[in-house]
Amino acid sequence: MGFFDLEIGYIIIALFFLAITAYVTTRSFMPKVAFKRGMIIMTIVLGSFILFHYYFTMHRINRIARAFNTGQTILCESRGELKGAQVVIIKKSGGWSLKKGIFTNPKFVRDFHSARCALDLRQQL
């Protein structure tokens, strides 16, 4: 998964906040330097948040991939069916495969992105 695939939602939210900052800092009651300072500060802060989120998401994806390849159990949330189990247990021995961060299984209806999954903590106890 690329940077924009994972972060496009947050980038759109950041652009919205930058638009609000631009609107507020160009009002007549604001100092003349408010626009420049406000846009620079907001760009740095929002950009930092997005980069930190991307870093931690990629770290989690890599950790999930290593765990899956060593045969550990992965848990993914299933929102397709709200009745019964809402967690899908993913194991290599269950026929699951991992390609480009996506868990697939020919016996299962939908795929799961590894960024939205977690390690089964019960096996680490």
N, C-alpha and C. Protein backbone atom coordinates (compact mmCIF):
# COMPACT_ATOMS: atom_id res chain seq x y z
N MET A 1 0.84 -1.18 0.00
CA MET A 1 0.00 0.00 0.00
C MET A 1 0.88 1.24 0.00
N GLY A 2 0.49 2.20 -0.78
CA GLY A 2 1.24 3.43 -0.87
C GLY A 2 0.79 4.44 0.17
N PHE A 3 1.55 5.50 0.24
CA PHE A 3 1.27 6.57 1.21
C PHE A 3 -0.12 7.15 1.00
N PHE A 4 -0.46 7.47 -0.24
CA PHE A 4 -1.75 8.11 -0.51
C PHE A 4 -2.92 7.16 -0.31
N ASP A 5 -2.72 5.86 -0.53
CA ASP A 5 -3.78 4.90 -0.28
C ASP A 5 -4.17 4.87 1.19
N LEU A 6 -3.18 4.97 2.06
CA LEU A 6 -3.43 4.89 3.50
C LEU A 6 -3.85 6.23 4.10
N GLU A 7 -3.34 7.32 3.56
CA GLU A 7 -3.49 8.62 4.22
C GLU A 7 -4.41 9.60 3.51
N ILE A 8 -5.07 9.22 2.43
CA ILE A 8 -5.88 10.17 1.66
C ILE A 8 -6.99 10.80 2.50
N GLY A 9 -7.61 10.05 3.38
CA GLY A 9 -8.67 10.60 4.23
C GLY A 9 -8.13 11.68 5.15
N TYR A 10 -6.98 11.42 5.75
CA TYR A 10 -6.39 12.41 6.65
C TYR A 10 -5.86 13.62 5.88
N ILE A 11 -5.40 13.43 4.67
CA ILE A 11 -4.94 14.56 3.86
C ILE A 11 -6.12 15.47 3.52
N ILE A 12 -7.26 14.89 3.20
CA ILE A 12 -8.46 15.69 2.90
C ILE A 12 -8.90 16.47 4.13
N ILE A 13 -8.87 15.84 5.29
CA ILE A 13 -9.22 16.53 6.54
C ILE A 13 -8.24 17.67 6.80
N ALA A 14 -6.94 17.42 6.57
CA ALA A 14 -5.93 18.46 6.78
C ALA A 14 -6.16 19.64 5.83
N LEU A 15 -6.51 19.36 4.58
CA LEU A 15 -6.80 20.44 3.64
C LEU A 15 -8.01 21.26 4.08
N PHE A 16 -9.00 20.60 4.66
CA PHE A 16 -10.16 21.30 5.20
C PHE A 16 -9.75 22.25 6.33
N PHE A 17 -8.89 21.77 7.24
CA PHE A 17 -8.41 22.61 8.33
C PHE A 17 -7.55 23.76 7.82
N LEU A 18 -6.79 23.51 6.77
CA LEU A 18 -6.00 24.60 6.17
C LEU A 18 -6.90 25.65 5.54
N ALA A 19 -8.00 25.21 4.94
CA ALA A 19 -8.95 26.16 4.36
C ALA A 19 -9.60 27.01 5.45
N ILE A 20 -9.94 26.40 6.58
CA ILE A 20 -10.50 27.14 7.71
C ILE A 20 -9.47 28.14 8.23
N THR A 21 -8.22 27.69 8.35
CA THR A 21 -7.15 28.58 8.82
C THR A 21 -6.99 29.76 7.87
N ALA A 22 -7.01 29.49 6.58
CA ALA A 22 -6.87 30.57 5.60
C ALA A 22 -8.03 31.56 5.71
N TYR A 23 -9.24 31.06 5.89
CA TYR A 23 -10.41 31.93 6.00
C TYR A 23 -10.31 32.82 7.25
N VAL A 24 -10.00 32.20 8.38
CA VAL A 24 -9.97 32.95 9.65
C VAL A 24 -8.83 33.97 9.65
N THR A 25 -7.66 33.58 9.15
CA THR A 25 -6.50 34.48 9.23
C THR A 25 -6.54 35.61 8.21
N THR A 26 -7.47 35.58 7.28
CA THR A 26 -7.59 36.69 6.31
C THR A 26 -8.69 37.68 6.70
N ARG A 27 -9.30 37.51 7.84
CA ARG A 27 -10.35 38.44 8.28
C ARG A 27 -9.71 39.77 8.70
N SER A 28 -10.47 40.81 8.67
CA SER A 28 -9.96 42.16 8.94
C SER A 28 -9.47 42.35 10.37
N PHE A 29 -10.00 41.60 11.32
CA PHE A 29 -9.60 41.75 12.72
C PHE A 29 -8.29 41.02 13.05
N MET A 30 -7.75 40.27 12.11
CA MET A 30 -6.50 39.52 12.35
C MET A 30 -5.30 40.37 11.92
N PRO A 31 -4.17 40.18 12.58
CA PRO A 31 -2.95 40.90 12.17
C PRO A 31 -2.54 40.51 10.75
N LYS A 32 -1.74 41.37 10.12
CA LYS A 32 -1.33 41.13 8.73
C LYS A 32 -0.50 39.86 8.57
N VAL A 33 0.29 39.48 9.57
CA VAL A 33 1.17 38.30 9.47
C VAL A 33 0.46 37.00 9.87
N ALA A 34 -0.80 37.10 10.27
CA ALA A 34 -1.52 35.92 10.76
C ALA A 34 -1.66 34.84 9.70
N PHE A 35 -1.92 35.24 8.46
CA PHE A 35 -2.10 34.24 7.40
C PHE A 35 -0.82 33.43 7.20
N LYS A 36 0.29 34.12 7.04
CA LYS A 36 1.55 33.44 6.79
C LYS A 36 1.93 32.54 7.96
N ARG A 37 1.90 33.07 9.16
CA ARG A 37 2.26 32.29 10.35
C ARG A 37 1.28 31.13 10.57
N GLY A 38 0.01 31.41 10.44
CA GLY A 38 -1.01 30.38 10.66
C GLY A 38 -0.89 29.23 9.68
N MET A 39 -0.70 29.55 8.41
CA MET A 39 -0.58 28.49 7.40
C MET A 39 0.69 27.68 7.59
N ILE A 40 1.79 28.33 7.92
CA ILE A 40 3.04 27.60 8.14
C ILE A 40 2.92 26.67 9.35
N ILE A 41 2.40 27.19 10.44
CA ILE A 41 2.26 26.38 11.66
C ILE A 41 1.30 25.22 11.43
N MET A 42 0.15 25.49 10.83
CA MET A 42 -0.83 24.42 10.61
C MET A 42 -0.29 23.37 9.63
N THR A 43 0.42 23.80 8.59
CA THR A 43 0.99 22.84 7.65
C THR A 43 2.00 21.93 8.34
N ILE A 44 2.85 22.51 9.18
CA ILE A 44 3.85 21.71 9.90
C ILE A 44 3.18 20.75 10.87
N VAL A 45 2.21 21.24 11.63
CA VAL A 45 1.54 20.39 12.63
C VAL A 45 0.76 19.27 11.95
N LEU A 46 -0.07 19.60 10.98
CA LEU A 46 -0.89 18.58 10.31
C LEU A 46 -0.02 17.61 9.52
N GLY A 47 1.01 18.12 8.85
CA GLY A 47 1.93 17.25 8.12
C GLY A 47 2.65 16.28 9.05
N SER A 48 3.04 16.78 10.23
CA SER A 48 3.70 15.90 11.21
C SER A 48 2.77 14.80 11.68
N PHE A 49 1.51 15.18 11.97
CA PHE A 49 0.54 14.17 12.40
C PHE A 49 0.34 13.10 11.33
N ILE A 50 0.23 13.51 10.08
CA ILE A 50 0.02 12.56 8.99
C ILE A 50 1.23 11.65 8.82
N LEU A 51 2.43 12.22 8.89
CA LEU A 51 3.64 11.41 8.75
C LEU A 51 3.80 10.42 9.91
N PHE A 52 3.49 10.87 11.15
CA PHE A 52 3.55 9.96 12.29
C PHE A 52 2.53 8.83 12.13
N HIS A 53 1.32 9.16 11.69
CA HIS A 53 0.30 8.12 11.49
C HIS A 53 0.76 7.12 10.43
N TYR A 54 1.33 7.60 9.34
CA TYR A 54 1.82 6.71 8.29
C TYR A 54 2.93 5.81 8.82
N TYR A 55 3.87 6.38 9.56
CA TYR A 55 4.98 5.60 10.11
C TYR A 55 4.45 4.48 11.01
N PHE A 56 3.57 4.81 11.94
CA PHE A 56 3.05 3.80 12.87
C PHE A 56 2.17 2.78 12.16
N THR A 57 1.41 3.19 11.16
CA THR A 57 0.60 2.25 10.39
C THR A 57 1.48 1.27 9.62
N MET A 58 2.54 1.77 8.98
CA MET A 58 3.45 0.89 8.25
C MET A 58 4.17 -0.06 9.20
N HIS A 59 4.52 0.44 10.37
CA HIS A 59 5.16 -0.42 11.38
C HIS A 59 4.21 -1.55 11.78
N ARG A 60 2.94 -1.24 12.00
CA ARG A 60 1.95 -2.26 12.37
C ARG A 60 1.74 -3.25 11.22
N ILE A 61 1.68 -2.77 9.98
CA ILE A 61 1.50 -3.65 8.82
C ILE A 61 2.67 -4.62 8.72
N ASN A 62 3.88 -4.13 8.89
CA ASN A 62 5.06 -5.00 8.82
C ASN A 62 5.08 -6.01 9.95
N ARG A 63 4.67 -5.58 11.16
CA ARG A 63 4.62 -6.51 12.30
C ARG A 63 3.57 -7.60 12.06
N ILE A 64 2.42 -7.22 11.51
CA ILE A 64 1.37 -8.20 11.21
C ILE A 64 1.86 -9.18 10.14
N ALA A 65 2.54 -8.69 9.12
CA ALA A 65 3.04 -9.55 8.05
C ALA A 65 4.07 -10.55 8.58
N ARG A 66 5.00 -10.07 9.44
CA ARG A 66 5.99 -10.99 10.04
C ARG A 66 5.30 -12.06 10.88
N ALA A 67 4.33 -11.64 11.68
CA ALA A 67 3.62 -12.59 12.53
C ALA A 67 2.86 -13.61 11.69
N PHE A 68 2.20 -13.16 10.64
CA PHE A 68 1.45 -14.08 9.77
C PHE A 68 2.39 -15.09 9.11
N ASN A 69 3.53 -14.61 8.63
CA ASN A 69 4.48 -15.50 7.95
C ASN A 69 5.13 -16.50 8.89
N THR A 70 5.14 -16.22 10.20
CA THR A 70 5.68 -17.18 11.17
C THR A 70 4.60 -18.08 11.74
N GLY A 71 3.37 -17.96 11.25
CA GLY A 71 2.29 -18.87 11.65
C GLY A 71 1.46 -18.39 12.82
N GLN A 72 1.62 -17.16 13.26
CA GLN A 72 0.82 -16.66 14.37
C GLN A 72 -0.60 -16.32 13.91
N THR A 73 -1.49 -16.21 14.88
CA THR A 73 -2.89 -15.90 14.60
C THR A 73 -3.09 -14.39 14.52
N ILE A 74 -3.83 -13.97 13.51
CA ILE A 74 -4.17 -12.57 13.29
C ILE A 74 -5.68 -12.42 13.44
N LEU A 75 -6.12 -11.35 14.06
CA LEU A 75 -7.54 -11.07 14.23
C LEU A 75 -7.91 -9.85 13.41
N CYS A 76 -8.95 -9.98 12.58
CA CYS A 76 -9.44 -8.87 11.78
C CYS A 76 -10.91 -8.65 12.08
N GLU A 77 -11.30 -7.40 12.16
CA GLU A 77 -12.69 -7.05 12.45
C GLU A 77 -13.53 -7.24 11.20
N SER A 78 -14.67 -7.92 11.38
CA SER A 78 -15.59 -8.13 10.27
C SER A 78 -16.86 -7.34 10.52
N ARG A 79 -17.10 -6.33 9.69
CA ARG A 79 -18.30 -5.52 9.83
C ARG A 79 -19.38 -5.95 8.85
N GLY A 80 -19.12 -6.99 8.10
CA GLY A 80 -20.09 -7.45 7.11
C GLY A 80 -21.33 -8.04 7.73
N GLU A 81 -21.18 -8.74 8.82
CA GLU A 81 -22.29 -9.40 9.50
C GLU A 81 -22.27 -8.96 10.95
N LEU A 82 -23.30 -8.28 11.39
CA LEU A 82 -23.33 -7.77 12.75
C LEU A 82 -23.89 -8.77 13.74
N LYS A 83 -24.28 -9.93 13.27
CA LYS A 83 -24.77 -10.98 14.16
C LYS A 83 -23.66 -11.99 14.33
N GLY A 84 -23.52 -12.53 15.51
CA GLY A 84 -22.51 -13.56 15.74
C GLY A 84 -21.11 -12.96 15.88
N ALA A 85 -20.12 -13.71 15.46
CA ALA A 85 -18.73 -13.30 15.61
C ALA A 85 -18.41 -12.10 14.72
N GLN A 86 -17.80 -11.10 15.30
CA GLN A 86 -17.42 -9.93 14.54
C GLN A 86 -15.92 -9.89 14.30
N VAL A 87 -15.22 -10.97 14.67
CA VAL A 87 -13.79 -11.06 14.45
C VAL A 87 -13.51 -12.29 13.60
N VAL A 88 -12.67 -12.12 12.60
CA VAL A 88 -12.27 -13.23 11.76
C VAL A 88 -10.86 -13.63 12.16
N ILE A 89 -10.67 -14.93 12.41
CA ILE A 89 -9.36 -15.44 12.78
C ILE A 89 -8.62 -15.83 11.51
N ILE A 90 -7.45 -15.25 11.33
CA ILE A 90 -6.68 -15.45 10.11
C ILE A 90 -5.38 -16.17 10.46
N LYS A 91 -5.18 -17.32 9.83
CA LYS A 91 -3.96 -18.10 10.00
C LYS A 91 -3.54 -18.64 8.63
N LYS A 92 -2.24 -18.84 8.48
CA LYS A 92 -1.76 -19.42 7.24
C LYS A 92 -2.34 -20.82 7.04
N SER A 93 -2.45 -21.56 8.12
CA SER A 93 -2.95 -22.93 8.04
C SER A 93 -4.44 -22.98 7.67
N GLY A 94 -5.14 -21.85 7.75
CA GLY A 94 -6.55 -21.79 7.41
C GLY A 94 -6.80 -21.45 5.96
N GLY A 95 -5.76 -21.39 5.15
CA GLY A 95 -5.92 -21.10 3.74
C GLY A 95 -5.78 -19.63 3.37
N TRP A 96 -5.43 -18.82 4.31
CA TRP A 96 -5.27 -17.39 4.05
C TRP A 96 -3.92 -17.11 3.41
N SER A 97 -3.89 -16.08 2.57
CA SER A 97 -2.62 -15.62 1.99
C SER A 97 -2.55 -14.11 2.14
N LEU A 98 -1.32 -13.59 2.14
CA LEU A 98 -1.09 -12.16 2.30
C LEU A 98 -0.34 -11.65 1.08
N LYS A 99 -1.00 -10.77 0.32
CA LYS A 99 -0.39 -10.18 -0.87
C LYS A 99 -0.61 -8.67 -0.84
N LYS A 100 0.49 -7.93 -0.83
CA LYS A 100 0.46 -6.46 -0.82
C LYS A 100 -0.39 -5.91 0.32
N GLY A 101 -0.29 -6.53 1.49
CA GLY A 101 -0.99 -6.04 2.67
C GLY A 101 -2.44 -6.44 2.76
N ILE A 102 -2.92 -7.31 1.86
CA ILE A 102 -4.32 -7.74 1.85
C ILE A 102 -4.39 -9.23 2.15
N PHE A 103 -5.18 -9.60 3.16
CA PHE A 103 -5.43 -11.01 3.46
C PHE A 103 -6.56 -11.51 2.58
N THR A 104 -6.33 -12.61 1.87
CA THR A 104 -7.37 -13.19 1.02
C THR A 104 -7.50 -14.67 1.31
N ASN A 105 -8.69 -15.18 1.09
CA ASN A 105 -8.98 -16.60 1.25
C ASN A 105 -10.07 -16.95 0.25
N PRO A 106 -9.86 -17.96 -0.60
CA PRO A 106 -10.88 -18.31 -1.59
C PRO A 106 -12.20 -18.78 -0.97
N LYS A 107 -12.16 -19.22 0.29
CA LYS A 107 -13.37 -19.71 0.96
C LYS A 107 -14.13 -18.59 1.67
N PHE A 108 -13.56 -17.41 1.70
CA PHE A 108 -14.17 -16.30 2.43
C PHE A 108 -14.62 -15.23 1.45
N VAL A 109 -15.72 -14.57 1.74
CA VAL A 109 -16.35 -13.63 0.83
C VAL A 109 -15.53 -12.36 0.64
N ARG A 110 -14.98 -11.83 1.71
CA ARG A 110 -14.30 -10.54 1.58
C ARG A 110 -12.85 -10.64 2.01
N ASP A 111 -12.08 -9.63 1.61
CA ASP A 111 -10.67 -9.54 1.95
C ASP A 111 -10.50 -8.56 3.11
N PHE A 112 -9.34 -8.62 3.76
CA PHE A 112 -9.05 -7.74 4.88
C PHE A 112 -7.70 -7.07 4.69
N HIS A 113 -7.64 -5.78 4.96
CA HIS A 113 -6.38 -5.06 4.88
C HIS A 113 -5.64 -5.25 6.21
N SER A 114 -4.35 -5.55 6.12
CA SER A 114 -3.59 -5.85 7.33
C SER A 114 -3.43 -4.64 8.25
N ALA A 115 -3.65 -3.43 7.75
CA ALA A 115 -3.58 -2.24 8.60
C ALA A 115 -4.73 -2.21 9.60
N ARG A 116 -5.79 -2.93 9.33
CA ARG A 116 -6.96 -2.94 10.20
C ARG A 116 -7.06 -4.22 11.02
N CYS A 117 -5.96 -4.95 11.14
CA CYS A 117 -5.93 -6.20 11.89
C CYS A 117 -4.98 -6.07 13.08
N ALA A 118 -5.03 -7.06 13.97
CA ALA A 118 -4.18 -7.05 15.16
C ALA A 118 -3.71 -8.47 15.46
N LEU A 119 -2.63 -8.56 16.21
CA LEU A 119 -2.14 -9.86 16.65
C LEU A 119 -3.05 -10.40 17.74
N ASP A 120 -3.19 -11.72 17.79
CA ASP A 120 -3.96 -12.36 18.85
C ASP A 120 -3.08 -12.38 20.10
N LEU A 121 -3.45 -11.59 21.09
CA LEU A 121 -2.63 -11.47 22.29
C LEU A 121 -2.69 -12.70 23.18
N ARG A 122 -3.69 -13.53 23.00
CA ARG A 122 -3.81 -14.73 23.84
C ARG A 122 -2.64 -15.67 23.61
N GLN A 123 -2.06 -15.70 22.42
CA GLN A 123 -0.96 -16.62 22.15
C GLN A 123 0.34 -16.10 22.72
N GLN A 124 0.40 -14.83 23.13
CA GLN A 124 1.62 -14.27 23.68
C GLN A 124 1.71 -14.41 25.18
N LEU A 125 0.66 -14.90 25.83
CA LEU A 125 0.64 -15.06 27.29
C LEU A 125 1.37 -16.29 27.72
